[in-house]
Amino acid sequence: MGKHSRPGPPNQPARAVPRLDTDNRLAAYDKRRRPPLDIHRRHRPLHGGAGHLHPDQPRALEERDGFSYVPAGTAACLAAAQRWVNGW
C-alpha cells in the first residue's frame, strides 16, 4: 500500500461529508461553514503554548457561532475546561 491510501489518525472521528443538495444554491457555501471536525466548543491556554502544559493555569473557552469561534468565558484549570468542552 502506498502512503496515500492509509486511513487518517485513529484518535480522530470520521468526517462523513454529505452530498451537496442540487436544489439548494448555497449548499457549497454551507459546507465550507462547518466547524473543523465538527468541534463546536474548544479551550485555549491563556498563557500561550501547548494545551497540555501548565494544567493549573486558566483557559479561555470558545464556542462556535456558526461562522467563527467567539469567547464564551474562562475556566480555572485544564480539568474544568475539558469538562465544559465535553459537557459533563
Protein backbone atom coordinates (compact mmCIF):
# COMPACT_ATOMS: atom_id res chain seq x y z
CA MET A 1 0.00 0.00 0.00
CA GLY A 2 1.20 3.46 -0.85
CA LYS A 3 1.35 6.29 1.64
CA HIS A 4 -1.74 7.96 0.17
CA SER A 5 -4.05 5.02 0.78
CA ARG A 6 -3.69 4.95 4.56
CA PRO A 7 -6.61 5.99 6.73
CA GLY A 8 -6.37 9.03 8.98
CA PRO A 9 -5.24 9.03 12.60
CA PRO A 10 -7.17 6.58 14.80
CA ASN A 11 -7.80 9.20 17.50
CA GLN A 12 -9.89 11.50 15.25
CA PRO A 13 -13.56 10.92 14.46
CA ALA A 14 -14.51 10.11 10.90
CA ARG A 15 -15.89 13.06 9.00
CA ALA A 16 -18.62 11.85 6.73
CA VAL A 17 -19.40 14.56 4.21
CA PRO A 18 -22.96 14.60 2.88
CA ARG A 19 -23.54 15.11 -0.82
CA LEU A 20 -24.45 18.59 -1.97
CA ASP A 21 -28.12 19.33 -2.40
CA THR A 22 -28.68 20.37 -6.02
CA ASP A 23 -31.83 22.32 -5.11
CA ASN A 24 -30.03 24.49 -2.56
CA ARG A 25 -27.94 27.15 -4.30
CA LEU A 26 -25.97 27.85 -1.11
CA ALA A 27 -25.08 24.21 -0.37
CA ALA A 28 -21.39 24.64 -1.23
CA TYR A 29 -21.22 27.74 0.99
CA ASP A 30 -22.90 25.92 3.88
CA LYS A 31 -20.43 23.06 3.51
CA ARG A 32 -17.49 25.47 3.97
CA ARG A 33 -19.08 26.99 7.08
CA ARG A 34 -18.97 23.73 9.06
CA PRO A 35 -16.63 23.85 12.04
CA PRO A 36 -13.40 21.90 11.68
CA LEU A 37 -14.02 18.24 12.63
CA ASP A 38 -17.42 19.30 13.95
CA ILE A 39 -15.87 20.79 17.10
CA HIS A 40 -18.35 23.30 18.49
CA ARG A 41 -16.53 24.08 21.75
CA ARG A 42 -12.82 24.38 22.46
CA HIS A 43 -10.44 25.78 25.05
CA ARG A 44 -7.14 27.61 24.67
CA PRO A 45 -4.50 28.32 27.32
CA LEU A 46 -4.26 31.98 28.31
CA HIS A 47 -0.52 31.71 28.84
CA GLY A 48 0.07 30.61 25.23
CA GLY A 49 1.88 27.49 24.16
CA ALA A 50 0.63 23.92 24.10
CA GLY A 51 -2.66 22.98 25.74
CA HIS A 52 -1.20 20.22 27.91
CA LEU A 53 1.37 22.48 29.58
CA HIS A 54 0.57 24.16 32.90
CA PRO A 55 -2.66 22.28 33.68
CA ASP A 56 -3.30 24.55 36.69
CA GLN A 57 -3.36 27.77 34.62
CA PRO A 58 -6.63 29.40 33.43
CA ARG A 59 -8.10 28.64 29.98
CA ALA A 60 -10.12 30.71 27.52
CA LEU A 61 -13.32 28.96 26.44
CA GLU A 62 -14.52 29.43 22.87
CA GLU A 63 -17.78 28.39 21.23
CA ARG A 64 -18.67 28.18 17.54
CA ASP A 65 -21.41 30.64 16.47
CA GLY A 66 -21.88 29.17 13.00
CA PHE A 67 -19.17 31.24 11.36
CA SER A 68 -16.23 31.52 13.77
CA TYR A 69 -15.22 30.86 17.36
CA VAL A 70 -16.28 33.51 19.88
CA PRO A 71 -15.22 33.86 23.53
CA ALA A 72 -17.57 32.10 25.93
CA GLY A 73 -15.77 32.56 29.24
CA THR A 74 -12.83 31.25 31.21
CA ALA A 75 -12.03 28.13 33.19
CA ALA A 76 -9.79 27.96 36.24
CA CYS A 77 -7.79 24.93 35.07
CA LEU A 78 -7.42 22.33 32.32
CA ALA A 79 -9.78 19.86 34.02
CA ALA A 80 -12.58 22.44 34.27
CA ALA A 81 -12.08 23.44 30.63
CA GLN A 82 -12.26 19.81 29.50
CA ARG A 83 -15.47 19.30 31.48
CA TRP A 84 -17.01 22.33 29.74
CA VAL A 85 -15.95 21.14 26.28
CA ASN A 86 -17.29 17.63 26.83
CA GLY A 87 -20.49 18.83 28.52
CA TRP A 88 -20.01 16.84 31.74
